[in-house]
Protein backbone atom coordinates (compact mmCIF):
# COMPACT_ATOMS: atom_id res chain seq x y z
CA UNK A 1 89.88 49.97 62.67
CA UNK A 2 88.83 46.36 62.71
CA UNK A 3 91.04 43.73 64.38
CA UNK A 4 92.21 40.31 62.70
CA UNK A 5 89.89 38.57 64.75
CA UNK A 6 86.48 40.70 63.79
CA UNK A 7 87.72 40.52 59.88
CA UNK A 8 88.08 36.43 60.23
CA UNK A 9 84.75 36.13 62.20
CA UNK A 10 82.63 38.31 59.54
CA UNK A 11 84.65 36.42 56.45
CA UNK A 12 83.18 32.92 58.37
CA UNK A 13 79.72 34.30 58.67
CA UNK A 14 79.68 35.89 54.88
CA UNK A 15 80.97 31.98 54.18
CA UNK A 16 78.17 30.56 56.54
CA UNK A 17 75.09 32.68 55.30
CA UNK A 18 76.48 32.22 51.49
CA UNK A 19 76.54 28.31 51.95
CA UNK A 20 73.09 28.54 53.83
CA UNK A 21 71.49 30.17 51.28
CA UNK A 22 72.85 28.31 48.46
CA UNK A 23 71.50 25.21 50.36
CA UNK A 24 68.18 26.65 50.75
CA UNK A 25 67.16 27.21 47.25
CA UNK A 26 66.13 24.82 44.37
CA UNK A 27 65.28 24.32 40.88
CA UNK A 28 62.25 23.00 39.01
CA UNK A 29 62.97 22.65 35.52
CA UNK A 30 60.62 21.96 32.99
CA UNK A 31 59.66 18.37 32.60
CA UNK A 32 60.45 17.83 36.33
CA UNK A 33 58.42 17.44 39.89
CA UNK A 34 60.18 17.65 43.07
CA UNK A 35 58.56 16.27 46.52
CA UNK A 36 60.67 17.97 49.89
CA UNK A 37 61.01 15.68 52.97
CA UNK A 38 61.85 16.37 56.09
CA UNK A 39 63.35 14.00 58.22
CA UNK A 40 62.06 11.50 55.97
CA UNK A 41 58.49 12.55 55.96
CA UNK A 42 57.01 14.90 53.33
CA UNK A 43 56.94 18.48 54.01
CA UNK A 44 55.67 19.94 51.08
CA UNK A 45 53.01 19.04 47.82
CA UNK A 46 54.75 17.57 44.86
CA UNK A 47 56.03 20.89 43.44
CA UNK A 48 55.73 21.08 39.22
CA UNK A 49 56.27 24.70 38.59
CA UNK A 50 59.31 25.13 37.12
CA UNK A 51 61.86 27.83 38.75
CA UNK A 52 63.45 28.97 41.66
CA UNK A 53 61.79 27.55 45.13
CA UNK A 54 62.92 27.69 48.84
CA UNK A 55 63.25 24.92 51.41
CA UNK A 56 64.87 24.88 55.08
CA UNK A 57 68.63 24.34 54.39
CA UNK A 58 70.61 21.00 55.64
CA UNK A 59 66.77 20.06 57.39
CA UNK A 60 64.51 19.49 53.97
CA UNK A 61 66.08 17.20 51.15
CA UNK A 62 64.61 17.46 47.39
CA UNK A 63 63.63 14.53 45.32
CA UNK A 64 63.41 14.79 41.86
CA UNK A 65 60.63 12.81 39.87
CA UNK A 66 60.03 12.95 35.91
CA UNK A 67 56.78 15.13 35.24
CA UNK A 68 54.37 13.79 32.02
CA UNK A 69 56.94 11.26 31.14
CA UNK A 70 56.02 8.13 29.47
CA UNK A 71 57.98 4.78 29.95
CA UNK A 72 58.30 1.54 28.53
CA UNK A 73 58.49 -1.64 29.98
CA UNK A 74 58.81 -5.04 28.07
CA UNK A 75 58.37 -7.88 30.12
CA UNK A 76 59.93 -10.52 27.36
CA UNK A 77 58.47 -13.64 26.41
CA UNK A 78 56.81 -15.08 29.14
CA UNK A 79 55.49 -19.03 29.31
CA UNK A 80 51.93 -19.29 29.74
CA UNK A 81 49.97 -22.95 29.71
CA UNK A 82 46.75 -22.57 27.85
CA UNK A 83 43.81 -25.60 28.63
CA UNK A 84 43.29 -27.38 25.67
CA UNK A 85 46.35 -25.72 23.98
CA UNK A 86 49.89 -25.92 25.89
CA UNK A 87 52.52 -23.50 26.17
CA UNK A 88 52.34 -19.91 24.50
CA UNK A 89 54.82 -17.18 24.84
CA UNK A 90 53.01 -13.62 25.76
CA UNK A 91 55.05 -10.26 25.78
CA UNK A 92 53.64 -7.77 27.24
CA UNK A 93 54.40 -3.91 26.05
CA UNK A 94 53.53 -1.43 28.87
CA UNK A 95 53.14 2.23 28.69
CA UNK A 96 53.09 3.93 31.92
CA UNK A 97 53.61 7.44 33.79
CA UNK A 98 53.89 8.23 37.36
CA UNK A 99 50.43 8.94 37.76
CA UNK A 100 50.69 10.66 41.86
CA UNK A 101 54.26 11.56 42.36
CA UNK A 102 53.53 11.54 46.36
CA UNK A 103 52.27 7.74 46.50
CA UNK A 104 54.65 6.92 43.77
CA UNK A 105 57.66 8.47 46.30
CA UNK A 106 55.98 6.91 49.06
CA UNK A 107 55.91 3.44 47.29
CA UNK A 108 59.23 3.39 45.45
CA UNK A 109 61.08 7.00 46.47
CA UNK A 110 62.87 8.50 43.82
CA UNK A 111 64.22 5.43 41.63
CA UNK A 112 63.40 5.33 38.32
CA UNK A 113 66.30 2.90 36.77
CA UNK A 114 65.03 -0.51 34.88
CA UNK A 115 66.86 -2.49 37.39
CA UNK A 116 64.50 -0.79 40.35
CA UNK A 117 61.66 -2.25 41.88
CA UNK A 118 59.20 -0.48 39.99
CA UNK A 119 59.56 -2.54 37.50
CA UNK A 120 59.37 -5.91 39.03
CA UNK A 121 56.42 -4.80 40.66
CA UNK A 122 54.82 -3.67 37.25
CA UNK A 123 55.78 -6.57 35.27
CA UNK A 124 54.75 -9.38 37.93
CA UNK A 125 51.35 -7.44 38.69
CA UNK A 126 50.59 -7.51 35.11
CA UNK A 127 51.27 -10.81 34.35
CA UNK A 128 49.35 -12.20 37.23
CA UNK A 129 46.65 -10.29 35.61
CA UNK A 130 47.01 -11.49 32.37
CA UNK A 131 47.36 -15.38 33.63
CA UNK A 132 44.45 -15.19 35.87
CA UNK A 133 41.86 -13.37 33.47
CA UNK A 134 41.62 -15.53 30.69
CA UNK A 135 42.61 -13.34 27.85
CA UNK A 136 42.79 -15.83 25.06
CA UNK A 137 40.48 -17.70 22.89
CA UNK A 138 41.29 -20.36 20.95
CA UNK A 139 40.40 -20.36 17.16
CA UNK A 140 40.85 -22.79 14.37
CA UNK A 141 43.12 -21.90 11.48
CA UNK A 142 40.82 -20.66 8.45
CA UNK A 143 43.49 -21.61 6.16
CA UNK A 144 43.38 -25.41 7.06
CA UNK A 145 40.65 -26.07 9.25
CA UNK A 146 42.48 -28.04 11.75
CA UNK A 147 45.65 -26.44 13.15
CA UNK A 148 44.32 -24.04 16.26
CA UNK A 149 45.57 -20.55 16.61
CA UNK A 150 45.61 -18.24 20.06
CA UNK A 151 44.53 -14.84 19.89
CA UNK A 152 44.06 -12.44 22.49
CA UNK A 153 40.29 -11.80 22.89
CA UNK A 154 38.42 -8.17 21.44
CA UNK A 155 38.09 -6.32 25.31
CA UNK A 156 40.99 -8.29 27.01
CA UNK A 157 43.54 -5.35 26.80
CA UNK A 158 40.68 -2.51 27.93
CA UNK A 159 40.17 -5.25 30.81
CA UNK A 160 43.60 -5.77 31.85
CA UNK A 161 44.15 -1.81 31.62
CA UNK A 162 41.66 -1.31 33.92
CA UNK A 163 42.62 -3.74 36.50
CA UNK A 164 46.25 -2.91 36.13
CA UNK A 165 45.51 0.79 36.75
CA UNK A 166 43.03 -0.51 39.51
CA UNK A 167 45.81 -2.31 41.16
CA UNK A 168 48.71 0.16 40.57
CA UNK A 169 47.46 3.54 40.89
CA UNK A 170 48.06 3.52 44.70
CA UNK A 171 51.31 2.90 44.01
CA UNK A 172 51.22 6.01 42.06
CA UNK A 173 51.54 4.81 38.72
CA UNK A 174 49.36 4.94 35.52
CA UNK A 175 49.33 2.28 32.91
CA UNK A 176 48.42 4.28 29.74
CA UNK A 177 48.73 1.32 26.89
CA UNK A 178 49.12 -2.15 27.36
CA UNK A 179 49.84 -4.32 24.34
CA UNK A 180 49.82 -8.38 24.51
CA UNK A 181 51.66 -10.25 22.01
CA UNK A 182 51.40 -14.29 21.43
CA UNK A 183 54.67 -15.17 20.21
CA UNK A 184 55.04 -18.57 18.77
């Protein structure tokens, strides 16, 4: 017959084994990718295969990021001064995704909310590109031959998109689509 203290010892051991077993398993769902860190350093490459996976309990931490999710950001009307014209309000609609989860995680962690630094960095980067590139053309309104209109140059969106990706790909962000809208 087993003594009372041995029974408690066995129960405590079983509880600890159960907790350690539970803490060593994580799930990757469809549409997610996972970065596993150990003491703040990346321990495994990004895991995208759905299912159960193992980690070292209490030492490794799991960070979830969306996989293939497209985000949309609108910068809102931003005032731009155009030479020989004056003030023009410009709004940008940007569609982007996490292109490289490891670079994204190293730059921004697992933060994805609208008030996080990624949104600010993206908006500031693209606004600077638009302001510095000269994406606007001045033209005369064909209806009255006097009023000048501002329009976006034909190749501007393509060039700004290329510049944006050159700037943001090292941060793990891939800009998919960019629209520049001129307000009144």
